[in-house]
Each structure stands twice: as structure tokens, then as C-alpha cells.
Amino acid sequence: MSKVEMMNDQQYLFGSVFIVANRIDTLLQREFNRFDITTKQWFLSATIDNLFDKPPTMNEVAREMGSSHQNVKQVALKLVEKGLLILEKDKVDARVTRLKLTENSYDFWETIRGEGTSFTQTLFKDIEQDELVVARRVMQKLQLNINEMDQKKERVDKDE
């Protein structure tokens, strides 16, 4: 019996989350290299496009991506350079910056949407719908637990 087989389920899944995330990132980056786009730039664009009805703030995007304001800003500035994103000052509060995808961005992502669909279908090949439902519930619970851990850490940091 191998060491991996002897791991309990929590240990195995904990390690697997990192491995799967890294492998997906590597495979996607290979695909995106020919377009001079990084996986982080794609993820930022996808987050804005899929999770918001109006241009979000930097902090709103950072929260949804599980990232920091500074990391989002760095990635956003690269997308601005490529003409795929506009940074706009909020009309009500000039201290707030909103992220808005450009028409070029929508056109660009539309041209590679088919490849993305194919990638996703291949990634989830042979995984049944009932397995996806369970995996989704597990991921949602993990995200809730992470949020609780993060909030607890923020409270402790505030008290110090």
C-alpha cells in the first residue's frame, strides 16, 4: 500500500486541492500563452463578467476572487495595458475605482469561448452529475469554513 493510499480522506483531499489547482493553472496557462494572457487575467475578467451586473469595485472583485486588493490591481493594470479593461472612478465616490471590461475584451473572450468549453468538458469527462452535485456541496462548505477562519483571524488581528 502506498503512502497516498494510507492517507485519510481529509489529508488526501487537502493535498489534492493544491495539486489540481496547480495542474489546471499550468494547463490553462499553456493555452493562454499564445494570446499573451495569464490565467490570473482570465480569472479576473471571468469574475467581472460572470458575477457582477454592473462594474464592480476593486475590493468587490478581490473578495470574490479570494485575493487582495493589491493583487487585483496589479492584474487589472495589465489588462488595461492590453485594452481589455477600463478603470473608472465611481460617479458617487471618487475614491472608489470600478473595473469595466471593454468591448475588445468581450470580443476577445468570445473568440476563445469554444476552446474554454472544450477544456472544461475534457476536465470533467467521466464525472457523473450526482458526483458533481456532491463536489459542489463540499466546495461550498469548504468556502464557508475558509470565510469563517478568515473572519476569526481578522477579529484577532483587530484586537491586537
N, C-alpha and C. Protein backbone atom coordinates (compact mmCIF):
# COMPACT_ATOMS: atom_id res chain seq x y z
N MET A 1 0.85 -1.18 0.00
CA MET A 1 0.00 0.00 0.00
C MET A 1 0.90 1.25 0.00
N SER A 2 0.61 2.19 -0.88
CA SER A 2 1.44 3.39 -0.99
C SER A 2 1.08 4.39 0.11
N LYS A 3 1.96 5.37 0.31
CA LYS A 3 1.70 6.40 1.32
C LYS A 3 0.43 7.17 0.99
N VAL A 4 0.20 7.41 -0.28
CA VAL A 4 -1.01 8.14 -0.69
C VAL A 4 -2.25 7.34 -0.31
N GLU A 5 -2.23 6.04 -0.53
CA GLU A 5 -3.37 5.19 -0.19
C GLU A 5 -3.60 5.12 1.31
N MET A 6 -2.56 5.33 2.09
CA MET A 6 -2.69 5.26 3.55
C MET A 6 -3.18 6.59 4.15
N MET A 7 -3.20 7.66 3.37
CA MET A 7 -3.68 8.94 3.88
C MET A 7 -5.16 8.87 4.20
N ASN A 8 -5.56 9.59 5.25
CA ASN A 8 -7.00 9.66 5.47
C ASN A 8 -7.59 10.61 4.42
N ASP A 9 -8.91 10.59 4.29
CA ASP A 9 -9.57 11.35 3.23
C ASP A 9 -9.29 12.85 3.31
N GLN A 10 -9.27 13.41 4.53
CA GLN A 10 -9.00 14.85 4.68
C GLN A 10 -7.60 15.19 4.19
N GLN A 11 -6.61 14.41 4.57
CA GLN A 11 -5.24 14.67 4.12
C GLN A 11 -5.15 14.57 2.60
N TYR A 12 -5.75 13.53 2.06
CA TYR A 12 -5.70 13.33 0.61
C TYR A 12 -6.37 14.49 -0.12
N LEU A 13 -7.56 14.86 0.31
CA LEU A 13 -8.27 15.95 -0.36
C LEU A 13 -7.56 17.28 -0.20
N PHE A 14 -7.01 17.54 0.98
CA PHE A 14 -6.28 18.78 1.22
C PHE A 14 -5.12 18.92 0.22
N GLY A 15 -4.33 17.89 0.09
CA GLY A 15 -3.22 17.91 -0.86
C GLY A 15 -3.69 17.96 -2.30
N SER A 16 -4.76 17.23 -2.58
CA SER A 16 -5.28 17.17 -3.95
C SER A 16 -5.79 18.52 -4.44
N VAL A 17 -6.37 19.31 -3.53
CA VAL A 17 -6.86 20.64 -3.92
C VAL A 17 -5.70 21.46 -4.50
N PHE A 18 -4.54 21.41 -3.84
CA PHE A 18 -3.38 22.16 -4.33
C PHE A 18 -2.87 21.60 -5.65
N ILE A 19 -2.79 20.29 -5.72
CA ILE A 19 -2.28 19.66 -6.94
C ILE A 19 -3.19 19.97 -8.12
N VAL A 20 -4.49 19.78 -7.94
CA VAL A 20 -5.44 20.04 -9.02
C VAL A 20 -5.40 21.51 -9.43
N ALA A 21 -5.38 22.41 -8.46
CA ALA A 21 -5.33 23.85 -8.78
C ALA A 21 -4.07 24.18 -9.59
N ASN A 22 -2.93 23.64 -9.17
CA ASN A 22 -1.69 23.91 -9.88
C ASN A 22 -1.69 23.32 -11.29
N ARG A 23 -2.21 22.11 -11.41
CA ARG A 23 -2.23 21.46 -12.73
C ARG A 23 -3.19 22.18 -13.69
N ILE A 24 -4.36 22.59 -13.19
CA ILE A 24 -5.30 23.34 -14.03
C ILE A 24 -4.65 24.65 -14.46
N ASP A 25 -4.02 25.35 -13.52
CA ASP A 25 -3.35 26.61 -13.84
C ASP A 25 -2.30 26.41 -14.92
N THR A 26 -1.51 25.36 -14.80
CA THR A 26 -0.46 25.08 -15.78
C THR A 26 -1.05 24.78 -17.16
N LEU A 27 -2.09 23.95 -17.20
CA LEU A 27 -2.72 23.62 -18.49
C LEU A 27 -3.36 24.85 -19.14
N LEU A 28 -4.07 25.64 -18.33
CA LEU A 28 -4.68 26.85 -18.87
C LEU A 28 -3.63 27.84 -19.36
N GLN A 29 -2.56 27.99 -18.58
CA GLN A 29 -1.52 28.94 -18.98
C GLN A 29 -0.90 28.56 -20.31
N ARG A 30 -0.72 27.26 -20.53
CA ARG A 30 -0.21 26.80 -21.84
C ARG A 30 -1.13 27.26 -22.96
N GLU A 31 -2.44 27.15 -22.74
CA GLU A 31 -3.40 27.56 -23.76
C GLU A 31 -3.39 29.08 -23.95
N PHE A 32 -3.29 29.82 -22.85
CA PHE A 32 -3.36 31.29 -22.91
C PHE A 32 -2.07 31.94 -23.40
N ASN A 33 -0.94 31.24 -23.34
CA ASN A 33 0.34 31.82 -23.76
C ASN A 33 0.27 32.38 -25.18
N ARG A 34 -0.41 31.68 -26.06
CA ARG A 34 -0.46 32.13 -27.46
C ARG A 34 -1.27 33.41 -27.63
N PHE A 35 -2.06 33.77 -26.61
CA PHE A 35 -2.84 35.01 -26.66
C PHE A 35 -2.22 36.11 -25.80
N ASP A 36 -1.07 35.82 -25.19
CA ASP A 36 -0.40 36.76 -24.29
C ASP A 36 -1.31 37.18 -23.13
N ILE A 37 -1.99 36.19 -22.56
CA ILE A 37 -2.89 36.40 -21.43
C ILE A 37 -2.48 35.41 -20.34
N THR A 38 -2.56 35.83 -19.09
CA THR A 38 -2.27 34.92 -17.99
C THR A 38 -3.58 34.35 -17.44
N THR A 39 -3.46 33.27 -16.69
CA THR A 39 -4.66 32.69 -16.08
C THR A 39 -5.27 33.67 -15.08
N LYS A 40 -4.45 34.46 -14.41
CA LYS A 40 -4.98 35.44 -13.47
C LYS A 40 -5.76 36.53 -14.19
N GLN A 41 -5.28 36.94 -15.37
CA GLN A 41 -6.01 37.94 -16.16
C GLN A 41 -7.34 37.36 -16.65
N TRP A 42 -7.31 36.10 -17.06
CA TRP A 42 -8.55 35.44 -17.47
C TRP A 42 -9.51 35.36 -16.29
N PHE A 43 -9.00 34.94 -15.12
CA PHE A 43 -9.86 34.76 -13.95
C PHE A 43 -10.48 36.09 -13.52
N LEU A 44 -9.71 37.15 -13.55
CA LEU A 44 -10.24 38.47 -13.22
C LEU A 44 -11.35 38.86 -14.18
N SER A 45 -11.11 38.68 -15.47
CA SER A 45 -12.12 39.00 -16.49
C SER A 45 -13.38 38.14 -16.31
N ALA A 46 -13.18 36.86 -16.09
CA ALA A 46 -14.32 35.94 -15.91
C ALA A 46 -15.11 36.30 -14.65
N THR A 47 -14.42 36.70 -13.60
CA THR A 47 -15.09 37.08 -12.36
C THR A 47 -15.97 38.30 -12.60
N ILE A 48 -15.42 39.31 -13.26
CA ILE A 48 -16.20 40.53 -13.55
C ILE A 48 -17.40 40.18 -14.42
N ASP A 49 -17.16 39.41 -15.47
CA ASP A 49 -18.21 39.11 -16.44
C ASP A 49 -19.32 38.24 -15.85
N ASN A 50 -18.94 37.27 -15.04
CA ASN A 50 -19.92 36.28 -14.57
C ASN A 50 -20.58 36.59 -13.24
N LEU A 51 -19.97 37.42 -12.41
CA LEU A 51 -20.50 37.61 -11.06
C LEU A 51 -21.10 38.98 -10.79
N PHE A 52 -20.97 39.91 -11.73
CA PHE A 52 -21.44 41.26 -11.47
C PHE A 52 -22.33 41.77 -12.60
N ASP A 53 -23.38 42.50 -12.23
CA ASP A 53 -24.28 43.09 -13.21
C ASP A 53 -23.84 44.49 -13.62
N LYS A 54 -23.06 45.14 -12.75
CA LYS A 54 -22.52 46.46 -13.07
C LYS A 54 -21.04 46.45 -12.72
N PRO A 55 -20.26 47.38 -13.26
CA PRO A 55 -18.83 47.36 -12.97
C PRO A 55 -18.55 47.35 -11.47
N PRO A 56 -17.82 46.34 -11.01
CA PRO A 56 -17.54 46.20 -9.58
C PRO A 56 -16.34 47.06 -9.15
N THR A 57 -16.20 47.21 -7.85
CA THR A 57 -15.03 47.88 -7.31
C THR A 57 -13.89 46.89 -7.22
N MET A 58 -12.69 47.41 -7.03
CA MET A 58 -11.52 46.56 -6.84
C MET A 58 -11.73 45.61 -5.66
N ASN A 59 -12.26 46.15 -4.55
CA ASN A 59 -12.47 45.33 -3.36
C ASN A 59 -13.51 44.25 -3.58
N GLU A 60 -14.56 44.56 -4.31
CA GLU A 60 -15.60 43.56 -4.59
C GLU A 60 -15.01 42.39 -5.39
N VAL A 61 -14.20 42.72 -6.39
CA VAL A 61 -13.58 41.67 -7.20
C VAL A 61 -12.59 40.86 -6.36
N ALA A 62 -11.80 41.55 -5.55
CA ALA A 62 -10.82 40.86 -4.70
C ALA A 62 -11.53 39.87 -3.78
N ARG A 63 -12.64 40.28 -3.20
CA ARG A 63 -13.39 39.41 -2.29
C ARG A 63 -13.88 38.16 -3.03
N GLU A 64 -14.45 38.36 -4.21
CA GLU A 64 -14.98 37.22 -4.97
C GLU A 64 -13.88 36.27 -5.43
N MET A 65 -12.70 36.83 -5.75
CA MET A 65 -11.59 36.00 -6.23
C MET A 65 -10.80 35.36 -5.09
N GLY A 66 -11.07 35.80 -3.85
CA GLY A 66 -10.28 35.30 -2.73
C GLY A 66 -8.87 35.84 -2.80
N SER A 67 -8.74 37.09 -3.21
CA SER A 67 -7.44 37.71 -3.41
C SER A 67 -7.37 39.03 -2.67
N SER A 68 -6.25 39.70 -2.78
CA SER A 68 -6.09 41.00 -2.14
C SER A 68 -6.36 42.12 -3.14
N HIS A 69 -6.67 43.29 -2.62
CA HIS A 69 -6.88 44.48 -3.44
C HIS A 69 -5.64 44.74 -4.30
N GLN A 70 -4.45 44.60 -3.70
CA GLN A 70 -3.21 44.87 -4.41
C GLN A 70 -2.99 43.90 -5.57
N ASN A 71 -3.27 42.62 -5.34
CA ASN A 71 -3.11 41.64 -6.42
C ASN A 71 -4.07 41.91 -7.57
N VAL A 72 -5.32 42.23 -7.22
CA VAL A 72 -6.31 42.53 -8.26
C VAL A 72 -5.87 43.76 -9.04
N LYS A 73 -5.37 44.76 -8.35
CA LYS A 73 -4.95 45.99 -9.03
C LYS A 73 -3.81 45.71 -10.00
N GLN A 74 -2.84 44.89 -9.60
CA GLN A 74 -1.72 44.54 -10.50
C GLN A 74 -2.21 43.85 -11.76
N VAL A 75 -3.10 42.89 -11.59
CA VAL A 75 -3.62 42.16 -12.74
C VAL A 75 -4.48 43.09 -13.61
N ALA A 76 -5.29 43.92 -12.96
CA ALA A 76 -6.15 44.85 -13.68
C ALA A 76 -5.33 45.81 -14.54
N LEU A 77 -4.24 46.31 -14.00
CA LEU A 77 -3.40 47.24 -14.76
C LEU A 77 -2.83 46.59 -16.01
N LYS A 78 -2.50 45.31 -15.94
CA LYS A 78 -2.02 44.58 -17.13
C LYS A 78 -3.14 44.47 -18.18
N LEU A 79 -4.36 44.25 -17.72
CA LEU A 79 -5.49 44.18 -18.65
C LEU A 79 -5.78 45.54 -19.27
N VAL A 80 -5.58 46.60 -18.51
CA VAL A 80 -5.74 47.96 -19.04
C VAL A 80 -4.73 48.17 -20.16
N GLU A 81 -3.47 47.79 -19.94
CA GLU A 81 -2.42 47.93 -20.95
C GLU A 81 -2.78 47.20 -22.25
N LYS A 82 -3.50 46.09 -22.11
CA LYS A 82 -3.87 45.28 -23.28
C LYS A 82 -5.18 45.75 -23.92
N GLY A 83 -5.78 46.78 -23.32
CA GLY A 83 -7.03 47.30 -23.88
C GLY A 83 -8.24 46.44 -23.57
N LEU A 84 -8.13 45.60 -22.54
CA LEU A 84 -9.23 44.69 -22.21
C LEU A 84 -10.03 45.13 -20.98
N LEU A 85 -9.59 46.20 -20.33
CA LEU A 85 -10.24 46.67 -19.11
C LEU A 85 -10.08 48.18 -18.99
N ILE A 86 -11.08 48.80 -18.39
CA ILE A 86 -11.03 50.24 -18.10
C ILE A 86 -11.20 50.40 -16.60
N LEU A 87 -10.38 51.26 -16.00
CA LEU A 87 -10.54 51.61 -14.60
C LEU A 87 -11.25 52.95 -14.56
N GLU A 88 -12.43 52.97 -13.94
CA GLU A 88 -13.25 54.18 -13.88
C GLU A 88 -13.43 54.62 -12.44
N LYS A 89 -13.35 55.91 -12.21
CA LYS A 89 -13.68 56.45 -10.90
C LYS A 89 -15.20 56.37 -10.73
N ASP A 90 -15.64 56.01 -9.55
CA ASP A 90 -17.06 55.92 -9.24
C ASP A 90 -17.67 57.32 -9.35
N LYS A 91 -18.88 57.40 -9.89
CA LYS A 91 -19.54 58.70 -10.07
C LYS A 91 -19.97 59.32 -8.74
N VAL A 92 -20.24 58.48 -7.75
CA VAL A 92 -20.69 58.97 -6.44
C VAL A 92 -19.52 59.21 -5.50
N ASP A 93 -18.55 58.29 -5.50
CA ASP A 93 -17.42 58.38 -4.58
C ASP A 93 -16.13 58.26 -5.39
N ALA A 94 -15.45 59.37 -5.61
CA ALA A 94 -14.25 59.40 -6.46
C ALA A 94 -13.10 58.59 -5.88
N ARG A 95 -13.18 58.19 -4.62
CA ARG A 95 -12.12 57.36 -4.03
C ARG A 95 -12.22 55.91 -4.51
N VAL A 96 -13.36 55.55 -5.04
CA VAL A 96 -13.63 54.17 -5.45
C VAL A 96 -13.34 54.01 -6.93
N THR A 97 -12.61 52.93 -7.27
CA THR A 97 -12.32 52.61 -8.67
C THR A 97 -13.14 51.40 -9.08
N ARG A 98 -13.81 51.51 -10.21
CA ARG A 98 -14.61 50.40 -10.75
C ARG A 98 -13.90 49.79 -11.95
N LEU A 99 -14.07 48.49 -12.12
CA LEU A 99 -13.44 47.75 -13.21
C LEU A 99 -14.50 47.43 -14.26
N LYS A 100 -14.21 47.83 -15.48
CA LYS A 100 -15.17 47.65 -16.57
C LYS A 100 -14.48 46.99 -17.76
N LEU A 101 -15.02 45.86 -18.18
CA LEU A 101 -14.48 45.19 -19.36
C LEU A 101 -14.78 46.02 -20.60
N THR A 102 -13.84 46.05 -21.54
CA THR A 102 -14.03 46.80 -22.78
C THR A 102 -14.74 45.92 -23.82
N GLU A 103 -15.19 46.56 -24.89
CA GLU A 103 -15.77 45.79 -25.99
C GLU A 103 -14.73 44.84 -26.56
N ASN A 104 -13.47 45.30 -26.65
CA ASN A 104 -12.38 44.42 -27.11
C ASN A 104 -12.28 43.18 -26.25
N SER A 105 -12.47 43.34 -24.95
CA SER A 105 -12.41 42.22 -24.03
C SER A 105 -13.51 41.21 -24.34
N TYR A 106 -14.74 41.70 -24.48
CA TYR A 106 -15.85 40.79 -24.79
C TYR A 106 -15.60 40.07 -26.11
N ASP A 107 -15.10 40.81 -27.11
CA ASP A 107 -14.80 40.20 -28.41
C ASP A 107 -13.71 39.13 -28.28
N PHE A 108 -12.65 39.47 -27.53
CA PHE A 108 -11.54 38.53 -27.35
C PHE A 108 -12.01 37.25 -26.68
N TRP A 109 -12.71 37.40 -25.55
CA TRP A 109 -13.13 36.20 -24.81
C TRP A 109 -14.13 35.38 -25.62
N GLU A 110 -14.93 36.04 -26.44
CA GLU A 110 -15.89 35.32 -27.28
C GLU A 110 -15.15 34.44 -28.30
N THR A 111 -14.02 34.93 -28.81
CA THR A 111 -13.28 34.16 -29.82
C THR A 111 -12.69 32.87 -29.24
N ILE A 112 -12.43 32.84 -27.94
CA ILE A 112 -11.84 31.62 -27.36
C ILE A 112 -12.81 30.86 -26.47
N ARG A 113 -14.08 31.28 -26.45
CA ARG A 113 -15.08 30.62 -25.62
C ARG A 113 -15.21 29.13 -25.94
N GLY A 114 -15.18 28.78 -27.21
CA GLY A 114 -15.30 27.37 -27.61
C GLY A 114 -14.18 26.52 -27.05
N GLU A 115 -12.97 27.07 -27.08
CA GLU A 115 -11.83 26.34 -26.52
C GLU A 115 -12.00 26.15 -25.01
N GLY A 116 -12.54 27.17 -24.36
CA GLY A 116 -12.78 27.07 -22.92
C GLY A 116 -13.81 26.00 -22.59
N THR A 117 -14.85 25.96 -23.40
CA THR A 117 -15.89 24.95 -23.22
C THR A 117 -15.32 23.55 -23.41
N SER A 118 -14.50 23.39 -24.42
CA SER A 118 -13.87 22.09 -24.69
C SER A 118 -12.95 21.69 -23.54
N PHE A 119 -12.18 22.65 -23.02
CA PHE A 119 -11.28 22.38 -21.89
C PHE A 119 -12.08 21.90 -20.70
N THR A 120 -13.16 22.60 -20.39
CA THR A 120 -13.99 22.25 -19.23
C THR A 120 -14.62 20.87 -19.40
N GLN A 121 -15.14 20.60 -20.60
CA GLN A 121 -15.76 19.30 -20.85
C GLN A 121 -14.74 18.17 -20.69
N THR A 122 -13.54 18.38 -21.18
CA THR A 122 -12.49 17.37 -21.05
C THR A 122 -12.09 17.19 -19.59
N LEU A 123 -11.99 18.29 -18.86
CA LEU A 123 -11.61 18.24 -17.45
C LEU A 123 -12.61 17.42 -16.63
N PHE A 124 -13.89 17.59 -16.93
CA PHE A 124 -14.94 16.91 -16.15
C PHE A 124 -15.45 15.63 -16.81
N LYS A 125 -14.73 15.14 -17.82
CA LYS A 125 -15.09 13.91 -18.52
C LYS A 125 -15.23 12.76 -17.53
N ASP A 126 -16.24 11.95 -17.70
CA ASP A 126 -16.49 10.74 -16.90
C ASP A 126 -16.85 11.03 -15.44
N ILE A 127 -17.19 12.26 -15.13
CA ILE A 127 -17.67 12.59 -13.78
C ILE A 127 -19.19 12.77 -13.91
N GLU A 128 -19.91 11.94 -13.18
CA GLU A 128 -21.37 11.92 -13.27
C GLU A 128 -21.99 13.14 -12.57
N GLN A 129 -23.21 13.46 -12.96
CA GLN A 129 -23.91 14.62 -12.39
C GLN A 129 -24.07 14.53 -10.88
N ASP A 130 -24.38 13.34 -10.37
CA ASP A 130 -24.53 13.21 -8.92
C ASP A 130 -23.20 13.44 -8.20
N GLU A 131 -22.09 13.08 -8.84
CA GLU A 131 -20.77 13.35 -8.26
C GLU A 131 -20.48 14.86 -8.26
N LEU A 132 -20.88 15.53 -9.33
CA LEU A 132 -20.69 16.99 -9.40
C LEU A 132 -21.51 17.70 -8.33
N VAL A 133 -22.72 17.22 -8.07
CA VAL A 133 -23.56 17.82 -7.04
C VAL A 133 -22.90 17.70 -5.67
N VAL A 134 -22.37 16.53 -5.37
CA VAL A 134 -21.69 16.33 -4.08
C VAL A 134 -20.42 17.18 -4.02
N ALA A 135 -19.65 17.21 -5.09
CA ALA A 135 -18.42 18.00 -5.11
C ALA A 135 -18.73 19.49 -4.92
N ARG A 136 -19.80 19.96 -5.54
CA ARG A 136 -20.19 21.36 -5.37
C ARG A 136 -20.52 21.66 -3.91
N ARG A 137 -21.27 20.77 -3.28
CA ARG A 137 -21.62 20.97 -1.86
C ARG A 137 -20.37 20.99 -0.98
N VAL A 138 -19.44 20.10 -1.27
CA VAL A 138 -18.19 20.05 -0.50
C VAL A 138 -17.43 21.36 -0.69
N MET A 139 -17.30 21.83 -1.92
CA MET A 139 -16.57 23.07 -2.19
C MET A 139 -17.26 24.27 -1.51
N GLN A 140 -18.59 24.30 -1.54
CA GLN A 140 -19.31 25.38 -0.86
C GLN A 140 -19.04 25.37 0.64
N LYS A 141 -19.03 24.18 1.24
CA LYS A 141 -18.76 24.08 2.67
C LYS A 141 -17.32 24.47 2.99
N LEU A 142 -16.39 24.07 2.13
CA LEU A 142 -15.00 24.49 2.33
C LEU A 142 -14.88 26.01 2.26
N GLN A 143 -15.57 26.63 1.31
CA GLN A 143 -15.53 28.08 1.19
C GLN A 143 -16.12 28.76 2.42
N LEU A 144 -17.22 28.21 2.93
CA LEU A 144 -17.80 28.76 4.17
C LEU A 144 -16.83 28.64 5.33
N ASN A 145 -16.19 27.49 5.46
CA ASN A 145 -15.22 27.29 6.54
C ASN A 145 -14.04 28.25 6.40
N ILE A 146 -13.58 28.43 5.19
CA ILE A 146 -12.47 29.37 4.95
C ILE A 146 -12.89 30.79 5.32
N ASN A 147 -14.11 31.17 4.95
CA ASN A 147 -14.61 32.51 5.30
C ASN A 147 -14.67 32.69 6.82
N GLU A 148 -15.14 31.67 7.51
CA GLU A 148 -15.20 31.73 8.98
C GLU A 148 -13.79 31.85 9.57
N MET A 149 -12.86 31.07 9.05
CA MET A 149 -11.48 31.13 9.54
C MET A 149 -10.88 32.52 9.29
N ASP A 150 -11.17 33.07 8.13
CA ASP A 150 -10.65 34.39 7.76
C ASP A 150 -11.23 35.48 8.66
N GLN A 151 -12.55 35.41 8.90
CA GLN A 151 -13.19 36.40 9.77
C GLN A 151 -12.67 36.31 11.20
N LYS A 152 -12.45 35.09 11.66
CA LYS A 152 -11.91 34.91 13.01
C LYS A 152 -10.51 35.53 13.10
N LYS A 153 -9.70 35.31 12.09
CA LYS A 153 -8.34 35.87 12.04
C LYS A 153 -8.40 37.40 12.03
N GLU A 154 -9.32 37.96 11.25
CA GLU A 154 -9.47 39.42 11.19
C GLU A 154 -9.85 39.99 12.56
N ARG A 155 -10.74 39.28 13.29
CA ARG A 155 -11.14 39.74 14.64
C ARG A 155 -9.96 39.71 15.60
N VAL A 156 -9.16 38.65 15.51
CA VAL A 156 -8.00 38.52 16.39
C VAL A 156 -6.99 39.63 16.06
N ASP A 157 -6.77 39.87 14.77
CA ASP A 157 -5.82 40.92 14.37
C ASP A 157 -6.28 42.30 14.84
N LYS A 158 -7.59 42.54 14.80
CA LYS A 158 -8.13 43.82 15.26
C LYS A 158 -7.92 44.01 16.75
N ASP A 159 -8.05 42.93 17.49
CA ASP A 159 -7.93 43.01 18.95
C ASP A 159 -6.49 43.20 19.42
N GLU A 160 -5.54 42.89 18.56
CA GLU A 160 -4.12 43.00 18.97
C GLU A 160 -3.61 44.41 18.89
